[in-house]
Amino acid sequence: MPPNPKARASRELRDAVRRRARGRCEYCHAEESWQYAEFTMEHVTPVSAGGQTTYENLALEQIPDCFTVP
């Protein structure tokens, strides 16, 4: 059965992404320990565009949305 793209990431998956990021935003590399809020998980390719809730498609991101396209 293929993964449900709208499924919430499991605790294990979120922990694995957080370890991969080493506590830093995967876009701007800000350290989570220096921020006032816990970072969130984001789909790199949005679910609305066919992205899946997988290790490869999740990124640790600071709040608010730091990823901007110039």
N, C-alpha and C. Protein backbone atom coordinates (compact mmCIF):
# COMPACT_ATOMS: atom_id res chain seq x y z
N MET A 1 0.84 -1.17 0.00
CA MET A 1 0.00 0.00 0.00
C MET A 1 0.89 1.25 0.00
N PRO A 2 0.67 2.20 -0.92
CA PRO A 2 1.50 3.41 -0.97
C PRO A 2 1.21 4.31 0.23
N PRO A 3 2.19 5.15 0.62
CA PRO A 3 1.97 6.03 1.76
C PRO A 3 0.87 7.04 1.48
N ASN A 4 0.14 7.39 2.51
CA ASN A 4 -0.90 8.40 2.41
C ASN A 4 -0.23 9.77 2.41
N PRO A 5 -0.34 10.56 1.32
CA PRO A 5 0.37 11.83 1.26
C PRO A 5 -0.11 12.84 2.29
N LYS A 6 -1.34 12.69 2.79
CA LYS A 6 -1.88 13.63 3.76
C LYS A 6 -1.67 13.18 5.20
N ALA A 7 -1.06 12.03 5.38
CA ALA A 7 -0.85 11.49 6.73
C ALA A 7 0.14 12.36 7.49
N ARG A 8 -0.12 12.54 8.77
CA ARG A 8 0.82 13.25 9.63
C ARG A 8 2.07 12.38 9.77
N ALA A 9 3.21 13.01 9.74
CA ALA A 9 4.47 12.27 9.88
C ALA A 9 4.52 11.64 11.27
N SER A 10 4.97 10.40 11.32
CA SER A 10 5.09 9.71 12.60
C SER A 10 6.16 10.37 13.46
N ARG A 11 6.14 10.10 14.74
CA ARG A 11 7.16 10.63 15.66
C ARG A 11 8.54 10.19 15.20
N GLU A 12 8.67 8.93 14.79
CA GLU A 12 9.96 8.41 14.34
C GLU A 12 10.46 9.17 13.11
N LEU A 13 9.56 9.45 12.17
CA LEU A 13 9.94 10.17 10.95
C LEU A 13 10.34 11.60 11.29
N ARG A 14 9.57 12.26 12.14
CA ARG A 14 9.90 13.63 12.54
C ARG A 14 11.26 13.68 13.26
N ASP A 15 11.50 12.70 14.13
CA ASP A 15 12.78 12.64 14.84
C ASP A 15 13.94 12.41 13.88
N ALA A 16 13.73 11.57 12.87
CA ALA A 16 14.79 11.30 11.88
C ALA A 16 15.11 12.55 11.07
N VAL A 17 14.10 13.30 10.67
CA VAL A 17 14.33 14.54 9.92
C VAL A 17 15.05 15.55 10.81
N ARG A 18 14.65 15.65 12.07
CA ARG A 18 15.29 16.57 13.02
C ARG A 18 16.77 16.20 13.21
N ARG A 19 17.07 14.90 13.29
CA ARG A 19 18.48 14.46 13.42
C ARG A 19 19.27 14.82 12.16
N ARG A 20 18.67 14.59 11.00
CA ARG A 20 19.35 14.92 9.74
C ARG A 20 19.70 16.41 9.68
N ALA A 21 18.78 17.25 10.16
CA ALA A 21 18.97 18.70 10.11
C ALA A 21 19.93 19.19 11.19
N ARG A 22 20.21 18.35 12.17
CA ARG A 22 21.11 18.70 13.27
C ARG A 22 20.66 19.98 13.99
N GLY A 23 19.32 20.10 14.15
CA GLY A 23 18.78 21.23 14.91
C GLY A 23 18.83 22.56 14.19
N ARG A 24 18.97 22.52 12.88
CA ARG A 24 19.04 23.76 12.09
C ARG A 24 17.94 23.75 11.02
N CYS A 25 17.48 24.95 10.69
CA CYS A 25 16.54 25.09 9.58
C CYS A 25 17.25 24.58 8.32
N GLU A 26 16.57 23.74 7.56
CA GLU A 26 17.22 23.17 6.37
C GLU A 26 17.22 24.12 5.18
N TYR A 27 16.67 25.30 5.35
CA TYR A 27 16.71 26.32 4.29
C TYR A 27 17.75 27.39 4.60
N CYS A 28 17.65 28.01 5.77
CA CYS A 28 18.55 29.14 6.09
C CYS A 28 19.64 28.77 7.09
N HIS A 29 19.56 27.56 7.66
CA HIS A 29 20.55 27.01 8.60
C HIS A 29 20.57 27.70 9.97
N ALA A 30 19.51 28.45 10.30
CA ALA A 30 19.41 29.03 11.63
C ALA A 30 19.30 27.90 12.65
N GLU A 31 19.91 28.08 13.82
CA GLU A 31 19.86 27.06 14.86
C GLU A 31 18.56 27.17 15.65
N GLU A 32 17.90 26.04 15.81
CA GLU A 32 16.64 26.02 16.54
C GLU A 32 16.84 26.47 17.98
N SER A 33 17.97 26.14 18.58
CA SER A 33 18.21 26.48 19.98
C SER A 33 18.31 27.99 20.21
N TRP A 34 18.50 28.77 19.16
CA TRP A 34 18.60 30.22 19.27
C TRP A 34 17.28 30.91 18.98
N GLN A 35 16.25 30.16 18.64
CA GLN A 35 14.96 30.74 18.26
C GLN A 35 14.01 30.72 19.45
N TYR A 36 12.91 31.42 19.32
CA TYR A 36 11.91 31.49 20.38
C TYR A 36 10.79 30.47 20.21
N ALA A 37 10.80 29.74 19.13
CA ALA A 37 9.75 28.76 18.87
C ALA A 37 10.37 27.50 18.27
N GLU A 38 9.69 26.38 18.49
CA GLU A 38 10.14 25.11 17.93
C GLU A 38 9.92 25.13 16.42
N PHE A 39 10.87 24.60 15.67
CA PHE A 39 10.75 24.54 14.23
C PHE A 39 9.66 23.54 13.83
N THR A 40 9.18 23.64 12.62
CA THR A 40 8.14 22.76 12.11
C THR A 40 8.68 21.91 10.97
N MET A 41 7.90 20.91 10.59
CA MET A 41 8.22 20.10 9.42
C MET A 41 7.45 20.65 8.24
N GLU A 42 8.10 20.71 7.10
CA GLU A 42 7.45 21.18 5.89
C GLU A 42 7.67 20.17 4.78
N HIS A 43 6.67 20.03 3.92
CA HIS A 43 6.83 19.22 2.71
C HIS A 43 7.61 20.05 1.70
N VAL A 44 8.73 19.54 1.20
CA VAL A 44 9.52 20.23 0.19
C VAL A 44 8.68 20.36 -1.08
N THR A 45 8.13 19.26 -1.55
CA THR A 45 7.13 19.29 -2.62
C THR A 45 5.78 19.19 -1.93
N PRO A 46 4.95 20.23 -2.03
CA PRO A 46 3.68 20.24 -1.31
C PRO A 46 2.80 19.04 -1.65
N VAL A 47 2.02 18.64 -0.69
CA VAL A 47 1.06 17.54 -0.89
C VAL A 47 0.14 17.88 -2.06
N SER A 48 -0.24 19.15 -2.16
CA SER A 48 -1.15 19.58 -3.24
C SER A 48 -0.52 19.41 -4.62
N ALA A 49 0.82 19.30 -4.67
CA ALA A 49 1.52 19.09 -5.93
C ALA A 49 2.00 17.65 -6.08
N GLY A 50 1.47 16.76 -5.24
CA GLY A 50 1.83 15.36 -5.35
C GLY A 50 2.92 14.90 -4.39
N GLY A 51 3.39 15.78 -3.51
CA GLY A 51 4.43 15.41 -2.55
C GLY A 51 3.92 14.41 -1.53
N GLN A 52 4.81 13.58 -1.05
CA GLN A 52 4.49 12.55 -0.07
C GLN A 52 5.07 12.92 1.30
N THR A 53 4.53 12.30 2.33
CA THR A 53 5.05 12.48 3.68
C THR A 53 6.14 11.44 3.89
N THR A 54 7.34 11.74 3.38
CA THR A 54 8.47 10.83 3.44
C THR A 54 9.71 11.57 3.96
N TYR A 55 10.69 10.82 4.39
CA TYR A 55 11.95 11.38 4.89
C TYR A 55 12.57 12.33 3.85
N GLU A 56 12.56 11.92 2.60
CA GLU A 56 13.18 12.71 1.54
C GLU A 56 12.40 13.98 1.23
N ASN A 57 11.12 14.01 1.53
CA ASN A 57 10.29 15.16 1.16
C ASN A 57 9.92 16.04 2.35
N LEU A 58 10.49 15.81 3.51
CA LEU A 58 10.24 16.66 4.66
C LEU A 58 11.50 17.45 5.00
N ALA A 59 11.31 18.68 5.46
CA ALA A 59 12.42 19.53 5.86
C ALA A 59 12.07 20.20 7.18
N LEU A 60 13.07 20.36 8.03
CA LEU A 60 12.90 21.11 9.27
C LEU A 60 12.99 22.59 8.90
N GLU A 61 11.99 23.36 9.34
CA GLU A 61 11.90 24.77 8.94
C GLU A 61 11.56 25.64 10.13
N GLN A 62 12.18 26.81 10.18
CA GLN A 62 11.88 27.72 11.28
C GLN A 62 10.55 28.42 11.05
N ILE A 63 10.02 28.99 12.13
CA ILE A 63 8.77 29.75 12.07
C ILE A 63 9.15 31.22 12.18
N PRO A 64 8.57 32.15 11.48
CA PRO A 64 7.68 31.91 10.35
C PRO A 64 8.46 31.44 9.13
N ASP A 65 7.74 31.11 8.12
CA ASP A 65 8.28 30.59 6.87
C ASP A 65 9.51 31.38 6.44
N CYS A 66 10.68 30.79 6.53
CA CYS A 66 11.90 31.52 6.17
C CYS A 66 12.28 31.33 4.72
N PHE A 67 11.71 30.32 4.08
CA PHE A 67 12.10 30.02 2.69
C PHE A 67 11.36 30.95 1.75
N THR A 68 12.09 31.80 1.10
CA THR A 68 11.48 32.71 0.13
C THR A 68 12.20 32.59 -1.19
N VAL A 69 11.47 32.69 -2.25
CA VAL A 69 12.05 32.64 -3.58
C VAL A 69 12.34 34.08 -4.00
N PRO A 70 13.58 34.40 -4.38
CA PRO A 70 13.90 35.78 -4.76
C PRO A 70 13.17 36.24 -5.99
